[in-house]
Amino acid sequence: MKILIKAQGLNFRIPIYIPMAFVNLVINGYIRNKSMNKENTKYIEAIDFNMLSQSLNLLEEYKGLKIVEIQSSDGTKVEICL
């Protein structure tokens, strides 16, 4: 996944490696589950990580697909592509 930001004289490209994002989510969920109070852990436990993994694998089939393309009146452009 890539986030492209084009502004007046500036171009940013932020790559997001999807498997690393998934690993980050799992690790953060585990750490938060251990450090959060029991009332809030129900939200972490509600995440089905197997379904999330399958969904991320499915997204890889649509490489290059533009999810978001926004352009403001001053010429700033934001794109999010798979």
PDB file of N, CA and C in Angstrom:
ATOM      1  N   MET A   1       0.853  -1.155   0.000  1.00  0.00           N
ATOM      2  CA  MET A   1       0.000   0.000   0.000  1.00  0.00           C
ATOM      3  C   MET A   1       0.904   1.224   0.000  1.00  0.00           C
ATOM      4  N   LYS A   2       0.499   2.244  -0.724  1.00  0.00           N
ATOM      5  CA  LYS A   2       1.261   3.483  -0.794  1.00  0.00           C
ATOM      6  C   LYS A   2       0.338   4.660  -0.532  1.00  0.00           C
ATOM      7  N   ILE A   3       0.847   5.630   0.188  1.00  0.00           N
ATOM      8  CA  ILE A   3       0.150   6.897   0.358  1.00  0.00           C
ATOM      9  C   ILE A   3       0.996   7.946  -0.341  1.00  0.00           C
ATOM     10  N   LEU A   4       0.414   8.621  -1.337  1.00  0.00           N
ATOM     11  CA  LEU A   4       1.114   9.645  -2.098  1.00  0.00           C
ATOM     12  C   LEU A   4       0.513  10.998  -1.763  1.00  0.00           C
ATOM     13  N   ILE A   5       1.374  11.949  -1.409  1.00  0.00           N
ATOM     14  CA  ILE A   5       0.939  13.307  -1.115  1.00  0.00           C
ATOM     15  C   ILE A   5       1.729  14.239  -2.005  1.00  0.00           C
ATOM     16  N   LYS A   6       1.008  14.997  -2.819  1.00  0.00           N
ATOM     17  CA  LYS A   6       1.647  15.956  -3.718  1.00  0.00           C
ATOM     18  C   LYS A   6       1.117  17.338  -3.381  1.00  0.00           C
ATOM     19  N   ALA A   7       2.010  18.196  -2.928  1.00  0.00           N
ATOM     20  CA  ALA A   7       1.648  19.566  -2.591  1.00  0.00           C
ATOM     21  C   ALA A   7       2.533  20.493  -3.411  1.00  0.00           C
ATOM     22  N   GLN A   8       2.411  21.769  -3.192  1.00  0.00           N
ATOM     23  CA  GLN A   8       3.171  22.750  -3.953  1.00  0.00           C
ATOM     24  C   GLN A   8       4.670  22.536  -3.744  1.00  0.00           C
ATOM     25  N   GLY A   9       5.321  21.937  -4.724  1.00  0.00           N
ATOM     26  CA  GLY A   9       6.757  21.710  -4.676  1.00  0.00           C
ATOM     27  C   GLY A   9       7.199  20.554  -3.795  1.00  0.00           C
ATOM     28  N   LEU A  10       6.290  19.860  -3.166  1.00  0.00           N
ATOM     29  CA  LEU A  10       6.634  18.745  -2.290  1.00  0.00           C
ATOM     30  C   LEU A  10       5.916  17.486  -2.736  1.00  0.00           C
ATOM     31  N   ASN A  11       6.638  16.401  -2.751  1.00  0.00           N
ATOM     32  CA  ASN A  11       6.057  15.094  -3.053  1.00  0.00           C
ATOM     33  C   ASN A  11       6.489  14.111  -1.974  1.00  0.00           C
ATOM     34  N   PHE A  12       5.525  13.477  -1.325  1.00  0.00           N
ATOM     35  CA  PHE A  12       5.804  12.471  -0.317  1.00  0.00           C
ATOM     36  C   PHE A  12       5.226  11.142  -0.775  1.00  0.00           C
ATOM     37  N   ARG A  13       5.959  10.090  -0.538  1.00  0.00           N
ATOM     38  CA  ARG A  13       5.481   8.734  -0.790  1.00  0.00           C
ATOM     39  C   ARG A  13       5.740   7.933   0.479  1.00  0.00           C
ATOM     40  N   ILE A  14       4.668   7.425   1.055  1.00  0.00           N
ATOM     41  CA  ILE A  14       4.772   6.659   2.290  1.00  0.00           C
ATOM     42  C   ILE A  14       4.379   5.220   1.986  1.00  0.00           C
ATOM     43  N   PRO A  15       5.352   4.317   1.926  1.00  0.00           N
ATOM     44  CA  PRO A  15       5.013   2.911   1.681  1.00  0.00           C
ATOM     45  C   PRO A  15       4.572   2.234   2.978  1.00  0.00           C
ATOM     46  N   ILE A  16       3.544   1.403   2.877  1.00  0.00           N
ATOM     47  CA  ILE A  16       3.065   0.626   4.016  1.00  0.00           C
ATOM     48  C   ILE A  16       3.088  -0.826   3.582  1.00  0.00           C
ATOM     49  N   TYR A  17       3.960  -1.591   4.176  1.00  0.00           N
ATOM     50  CA  TYR A  17       4.097  -3.005   3.853  1.00  0.00           C
ATOM     51  C   TYR A  17       3.009  -3.749   4.617  1.00  0.00           C
ATOM     52  N   ILE A  18       2.033  -4.301   3.935  1.00  0.00           N
ATOM     53  CA  ILE A  18       0.842  -4.863   4.555  1.00  0.00           C
ATOM     54  C   ILE A  18       1.158  -5.982   5.552  1.00  0.00           C
ATOM     55  N   PRO A  19       2.040  -6.947   5.253  1.00  0.00           N
ATOM     56  CA  PRO A  19       2.322  -7.966   6.275  1.00  0.00           C
ATOM     57  C   PRO A  19       2.918  -7.380   7.559  1.00  0.00           C
ATOM     58  N   MET A  20       3.738  -6.351   7.435  1.00  0.00           N
ATOM     59  CA  MET A  20       4.301  -5.722   8.629  1.00  0.00           C
ATOM     60  C   MET A  20       3.218  -4.995   9.420  1.00  0.00           C
ATOM     61  N   ALA A  21       2.254  -4.405   8.727  1.00  0.00           N
ATOM     62  CA  ALA A  21       1.142  -3.749   9.407  1.00  0.00           C
ATOM     63  C   ALA A  21       0.333  -4.778  10.192  1.00  0.00           C
ATOM     64  N   PHE A  22       0.164  -5.958   9.626  1.00  0.00           N
ATOM     65  CA  PHE A  22      -0.568  -7.029  10.317  1.00  0.00           C
ATOM     66  C   PHE A  22       0.197  -7.487  11.557  1.00  0.00           C
ATOM     67  N   VAL A  23       1.504  -7.689  11.427  1.00  0.00           N
ATOM     68  CA  VAL A  23       2.324  -8.099  12.568  1.00  0.00           C
ATOM     69  C   VAL A  23       2.267  -7.044  13.666  1.00  0.00           C
ATOM     70  N   ASN A  24       2.334  -5.783  13.262  1.00  0.00           N
ATOM     71  CA  ASN A  24       2.255  -4.683  14.216  1.00  0.00           C
ATOM     72  C   ASN A  24       0.923  -4.706  14.956  1.00  0.00           C
ATOM     73  N   LEU A  25      -0.149  -4.958  14.236  1.00  0.00           N
ATOM     74  CA  LEU A  25      -1.474  -5.025  14.850  1.00  0.00           C
ATOM     75  C   LEU A  25      -1.564  -6.164  15.862  1.00  0.00           C
ATOM     76  N   VAL A  26      -1.031  -7.325  15.515  1.00  0.00           N
ATOM     77  CA  VAL A  26      -1.073  -8.483  16.415  1.00  0.00           C
ATOM     78  C   VAL A  26      -0.243  -8.214  17.668  1.00  0.00           C
ATOM     79  N   ILE A  27       0.959  -7.682  17.488  1.00  0.00           N
ATOM     80  CA  ILE A  27       1.828  -7.420  18.644  1.00  0.00           C
ATOM     81  C   ILE A  27       1.223  -6.349  19.543  1.00  0.00           C
ATOM     82  N   ASN A  28       0.738  -5.268  18.943  1.00  0.00           N
ATOM     83  CA  ASN A  28       0.127  -4.216  19.753  1.00  0.00           C
ATOM     84  C   ASN A  28      -1.125  -4.720  20.465  1.00  0.00           C
ATOM     85  N   GLY A  29      -1.895  -5.558  19.796  1.00  0.00           N
ATOM     86  CA  GLY A  29      -3.082  -6.134  20.424  1.00  0.00           C
ATOM     87  C   GLY A  29      -2.721  -6.996  21.613  1.00  0.00           C
ATOM     88  N   TYR A  30      -1.662  -7.783  21.484  1.00  0.00           N
ATOM     89  CA  TYR A  30      -1.233  -8.636  22.592  1.00  0.00           C
ATOM     90  C   TYR A  30      -0.742  -7.795  23.766  1.00  0.00           C
ATOM     91  N   ILE A  31       0.079  -6.780  23.478  1.00  0.00           N
ATOM     92  CA  ILE A  31       0.608  -5.927  24.548  1.00  0.00           C
ATOM     93  C   ILE A  31      -0.514  -5.162  25.231  1.00  0.00           C
ATOM     94  N   ARG A  32      -1.417  -4.618  24.434  1.00  0.00           N
ATOM     95  CA  ARG A  32      -2.528  -3.870  25.026  1.00  0.00           C
ATOM     96  C   ARG A  32      -3.441  -4.779  25.831  1.00  0.00           C
ATOM     97  N   ASN A  33      -3.604  -6.002  25.372  1.00  0.00           N
ATOM     98  CA  ASN A  33      -4.447  -6.956  26.085  1.00  0.00           C
ATOM     99  C   ASN A  33      -3.880  -7.238  27.473  1.00  0.00           C
ATOM    100  N   LYS A  34      -2.569  -7.284  27.584  1.00  0.00           N
ATOM    101  CA  LYS A  34      -1.929  -7.556  28.879  1.00  0.00           C
ATOM    102  C   LYS A  34      -1.932  -6.328  29.785  1.00  0.00           C
ATOM    103  N   SER A  35      -1.857  -5.127  29.198  1.00  0.00           N
ATOM    104  CA  SER A  35      -1.723  -3.928  30.023  1.00  0.00           C
ATOM    105  C   SER A  35      -3.040  -3.179  30.231  1.00  0.00           C
ATOM    106  N   MET A  36      -4.080  -3.501  29.468  1.00  0.00           N
ATOM    107  CA  MET A  36      -5.360  -2.799  29.600  1.00  0.00           C
ATOM    108  C   MET A  36      -6.195  -3.409  30.714  1.00  0.00           C
ATOM    109  N   ASN A  37      -7.147  -2.630  31.168  1.00  0.00           N
ATOM    110  CA  ASN A  37      -8.060  -3.184  32.155  1.00  0.00           C
ATOM    111  C   ASN A  37      -9.020  -4.151  31.460  1.00  0.00           C
ATOM    112  N   LYS A  38      -9.636  -4.997  32.233  1.00  0.00           N
ATOM    113  CA  LYS A  38     -10.473  -6.068  31.685  1.00  0.00           C
ATOM    114  C   LYS A  38     -11.693  -5.549  30.928  1.00  0.00           C
ATOM    115  N   GLU A  39     -12.147  -4.367  31.280  1.00  0.00           N
ATOM    116  CA  GLU A  39     -13.320  -3.798  30.614  1.00  0.00           C
ATOM    117  C   GLU A  39     -13.041  -3.481  29.145  1.00  0.00           C
ATOM    118  N   ASN A  40     -11.829  -3.030  28.828  1.00  0.00           N
ATOM    119  CA  ASN A  40     -11.486  -2.641  27.463  1.00  0.00           C
ATOM    120  C   ASN A  40     -10.892  -3.776  26.628  1.00  0.00           C
ATOM    121  N   THR A  41     -10.510  -4.877  27.253  1.00  0.00           N
ATOM    122  CA  THR A  41      -9.907  -5.973  26.485  1.00  0.00           C
ATOM    123  C   THR A  41     -10.915  -6.684  25.593  1.00  0.00           C
ATOM    124  N   LYS A  42     -12.197  -6.499  25.822  1.00  0.00           N
ATOM    125  CA  LYS A  42     -13.200  -7.157  24.978  1.00  0.00           C
ATOM    126  C   LYS A  42     -13.113  -6.685  23.531  1.00  0.00           C
ATOM    127  N   TYR A  43     -12.620  -5.463  23.309  1.00  0.00           N
ATOM    128  CA  TYR A  43     -12.481  -4.957  21.944  1.00  0.00           C
ATOM    129  C   TYR A  43     -11.314  -5.630  21.228  1.00  0.00           C
ATOM    130  N   ILE A  44     -10.231  -5.866  21.928  1.00  0.00           N
ATOM    131  CA  ILE A  44      -9.082  -6.564  21.339  1.00  0.00           C
ATOM    132  C   ILE A  44      -9.457  -8.020  21.061  1.00  0.00           C
ATOM    133  N   GLU A  45     -10.159  -8.631  21.987  1.00  0.00           N
ATOM    134  CA  GLU A  45     -10.552 -10.029  21.820  1.00  0.00           C
ATOM    135  C   GLU A  45     -11.583 -10.200  20.707  1.00  0.00           C
ATOM    136  N   ALA A  46     -12.275  -9.148  20.321  1.00  0.00           N
ATOM    137  CA  ALA A  46     -13.287  -9.225  19.267  1.00  0.00           C
ATOM    138  C   ALA A  46     -12.670  -9.298  17.875  1.00  0.00           C
ATOM    139  N   ILE A  47     -11.389  -9.006  17.743  1.00  0.00           N
ATOM    140  CA  ILE A  47     -10.719  -9.040  16.433  1.00  0.00           C
ATOM    141  C   ILE A  47     -10.442 -10.488  16.059  1.00  0.00           C
ATOM    142  N   ASP A  48     -10.909 -10.881  14.891  1.00  0.00           N
ATOM    143  CA  ASP A  48     -10.639 -12.217  14.366  1.00  0.00           C
ATOM    144  C   ASP A  48      -9.390 -12.106  13.480  1.00  0.00           C
ATOM    145  N   PHE A  49      -8.233 -12.471  14.033  1.00  0.00           N
ATOM    146  CA  PHE A  49      -6.976 -12.295  13.332  1.00  0.00           C
ATOM    147  C   PHE A  49      -6.850 -13.228  12.131  1.00  0.00           C
ATOM    148  N   ASN A  50      -7.497 -14.378  12.161  1.00  0.00           N
ATOM    149  CA  ASN A  50      -7.473 -15.269  10.995  1.00  0.00           C
ATOM    150  C   ASN A  50      -8.222 -14.640   9.821  1.00  0.00           C
ATOM    151  N   MET A  51      -9.381 -14.056  10.084  1.00  0.00           N
ATOM    152  CA  MET A  51     -10.149 -13.395   9.031  1.00  0.00           C
ATOM    153  C   MET A  51      -9.398 -12.159   8.525  1.00  0.00           C
ATOM    154  N   LEU A  52      -8.760 -11.438   9.431  1.00  0.00           N
ATOM    155  CA  LEU A  52      -7.981 -10.266   9.041  1.00  0.00           C
ATOM    156  C   LEU A  52      -6.818 -10.660   8.145  1.00  0.00           C
ATOM    157  N   SER A  53      -6.157 -11.761   8.463  1.00  0.00           N
ATOM    158  CA  SER A  53      -5.053 -12.259   7.641  1.00  0.00           C
ATOM    159  C   SER A  53      -5.545 -12.642   6.240  1.00  0.00           C
ATOM    160  N   GLN A  54      -6.680 -13.325   6.157  1.00  0.00           N
ATOM    161  CA  GLN A  54      -7.238 -13.687   4.855  1.00  0.00           C
ATOM    162  C   GLN A  54      -7.602 -12.449   4.057  1.00  0.00           C
ATOM    163  N   SER A  55      -8.126 -11.439   4.723  1.00  0.00           N
ATOM    164  CA  SER A  55      -8.509 -10.192   4.049  1.00  0.00           C
ATOM    165  C   SER A  55      -7.286  -9.478   3.494  1.00  0.00           C
ATOM    166  N   LEU A  56      -6.202  -9.451   4.271  1.00  0.00           N
ATOM    167  CA  LEU A  56      -4.981  -8.805   3.804  1.00  0.00           C
ATOM    168  C   LEU A  56      -4.382  -9.553   2.619  1.00  0.00           C
ATOM    169  N   ASN A  57      -4.460 -10.880   2.641  1.00  0.00           N
ATOM    170  CA  ASN A  57      -3.977 -11.660   1.499  1.00  0.00           C
ATOM    171  C   ASN A  57      -4.820 -11.388   0.260  1.00  0.00           C
ATOM    172  N   LEU A  58      -6.100 -11.188   0.438  1.00  0.00           N
ATOM    173  CA  LEU A  58      -6.986 -10.886  -0.680  1.00  0.00           C
ATOM    174  C   LEU A  58      -6.663  -9.524  -1.288  1.00  0.00           C
ATOM    175  N   LEU A  59      -6.301  -8.575  -0.455  1.00  0.00           N
ATOM    176  CA  LEU A  59      -5.972  -7.234  -0.944  1.00  0.00           C
ATOM    177  C   LEU A  59      -4.756  -7.235  -1.869  1.00  0.00           C
ATOM    178  N   GLU A  60      -3.837  -8.182  -1.676  1.00  0.00           N
ATOM    179  CA  GLU A  60      -2.643  -8.251  -2.510  1.00  0.00           C
ATOM    180  C   GLU A  60      -2.979  -8.546  -3.972  1.00  0.00           C
ATOM    181  N   GLU A  61      -4.147  -9.122  -4.231  1.00  0.00           N
ATOM    182  CA  GLU A  61      -4.555  -9.412  -5.607  1.00  0.00           C
ATOM    183  C   GLU A  61      -4.913  -8.137  -6.370  1.00  0.00           C
ATOM    184  N   TYR A  62      -5.205  -7.063  -5.671  1.00  0.00           N
ATOM    185  CA  TYR A  62      -5.625  -5.813  -6.298  1.00  0.00           C
ATOM    186  C   TYR A  62      -4.528  -4.761  -6.265  1.00  0.00           C
ATOM    187  N   LYS A  63      -3.302  -5.187  -6.449  1.00  0.00           N
ATOM    188  CA  LYS A  63      -2.156  -4.293  -6.409  1.00  0.00           C
ATOM    189  C   LYS A  63      -2.311  -3.188  -7.463  1.00  0.00           C
ATOM    190  N   GLY A  64      -2.090  -1.936  -7.039  1.00  0.00           N
ATOM    191  CA  GLY A  64      -2.188  -0.796  -7.928  1.00  0.00           C
ATOM    192  C   GLY A  64      -3.541  -0.113  -7.926  1.00  0.00           C
ATOM    193  N   LEU A  65      -4.526  -0.694  -7.260  1.00  0.00           N
ATOM    194  CA  LEU A  65      -5.866  -0.128  -7.208  1.00  0.00           C
ATOM    195  C   LEU A  65      -5.865   1.145  -6.365  1.00  0.00           C
ATOM    196  N   LYS A  66      -6.421   2.234  -6.916  1.00  0.00           N
ATOM    197  CA  LYS A  66      -6.528   3.482  -6.164  1.00  0.00           C
ATOM    198  C   LYS A  66      -7.768   3.425  -5.285  1.00  0.00           C
ATOM    199  N   ILE A  67      -7.549   3.538  -4.001  1.00  0.00           N
ATOM    200  CA  ILE A  67      -8.650   3.516  -3.047  1.00  0.00           C
ATOM    201  C   ILE A  67      -9.194   4.916  -2.849  1.00  0.00           C
ATOM    202  N   VAL A  68      -8.287   5.881  -2.699  1.00  0.00           N
ATOM    203  CA  VAL A  68      -8.668   7.270  -2.464  1.00  0.00           C
ATOM    204  C   VAL A  68      -7.860   8.162  -3.392  1.00  0.00           C
ATOM    205  N   GLU A  69      -8.522   9.122  -4.010  1.00  0.00           N
ATOM    206  CA  GLU A  69      -7.843  10.133  -4.821  1.00  0.00           C
ATOM    207  C   GLU A  69      -8.565  11.461  -4.586  1.00  0.00           C
ATOM    208  N   ILE A  70      -7.898  12.357  -3.875  1.00  0.00           N
ATOM    209  CA  ILE A  70      -8.500  13.641  -3.501  1.00  0.00           C
ATOM    210  C   ILE A  70      -7.589  14.762  -3.972  1.00  0.00           C
ATOM    211  N   GLN A  71      -8.194  15.818  -4.521  1.00  0.00           N
ATOM    212  CA  GLN A  71      -7.433  16.993  -4.917  1.00  0.00           C
ATOM    213  C   GLN A  71      -8.158  18.230  -4.393  1.00  0.00           C
ATOM    214  N   SER A  72      -7.418  19.061  -3.660  1.00  0.00           N
ATOM    215  CA  SER A  72      -8.019  20.258  -3.094  1.00  0.00           C
ATOM    216  C   SER A  72      -7.932  21.406  -4.097  1.00  0.00           C
ATOM    217  N   SER A  73      -8.568  22.514  -3.765  1.00  0.00           N
ATOM    218  CA  SER A  73      -8.584  23.661  -4.671  1.00  0.00           C
ATOM    219  C   SER A  73      -7.215  24.310  -4.817  1.00  0.00           C
ATOM    220  N   ASP A  74      -6.320  24.137  -3.833  1.00  0.00           N
ATOM    221  CA  ASP A  74      -4.986  24.727  -3.942  1.00  0.00           C
ATOM    222  C   ASP A  74      -3.997  23.798  -4.651  1.00  0.00           C
ATOM    223  N   GLY A  75      -4.455  22.656  -5.121  1.00  0.00           N
ATOM    224  CA  GLY A  75      -3.615  21.759  -5.906  1.00  0.00           C
ATOM    225  C   GLY A  75      -3.011  20.612  -5.116  1.00  0.00           C
ATOM    226  N   THR A  76      -3.224  20.570  -3.827  1.00  0.00           N
ATOM    227  CA  THR A  76      -2.722  19.462  -3.019  1.00  0.00           C
ATOM    228  C   THR A  76      -3.495  18.198  -3.379  1.00  0.00           C
ATOM    229  N   LYS A  77      -2.746  17.124  -3.598  1.00  0.00           N
ATOM    230  CA  LYS A  77      -3.350  15.866  -4.040  1.00  0.00           C
ATOM    231  C   LYS A  77      -2.925  14.751  -3.111  1.00  0.00           C
ATOM    232  N   VAL A  78      -3.875  13.904  -2.705  1.00  0.00           N
ATOM    233  CA  VAL A  78      -3.609  12.758  -1.851  1.00  0.00           C
ATOM    234  C   VAL A  78      -4.166  11.514  -2.546  1.00  0.00           C
ATOM    235  N   GLU A  79      -3.336  10.483  -2.662  1.00  0.00           N
ATOM    236  CA  GLU A  79      -3.765   9.222  -3.244  1.00  0.00           C
ATOM    237  C   GLU A  79      -3.369   8.089  -2.305  1.00  0.00           C
ATOM    238  N   ILE A  80      -4.250   7.114  -2.174  1.00  0.00           N
ATOM    239  CA  ILE A  80      -3.940   5.896  -1.450  1.00  0.00           C
ATOM    240  C   ILE A  80      -4.160   4.745  -2.414  1.00  0.00           C
ATOM    241  N   CYS A  81      -3.071   4.029  -2.684  1.00  0.00           N
ATOM    242  CA  CYS A  81      -3.101   2.915  -3.642  1.00  0.00           C
ATOM    243  C   CYS A  81      -2.675   1.630  -2.946  1.00  0.00           C
ATOM    244  N   LEU A  82      -3.235   0.534  -3.398  1.00  0.00           N
ATOM    245  CA  LEU A  82      -2.815  -0.767  -2.890  1.00  0.00           C
ATOM    246  C   LEU A  82      -1.534  -1.176  -3.565  1.00  0.00           C
TER     247      LEU A  82
END
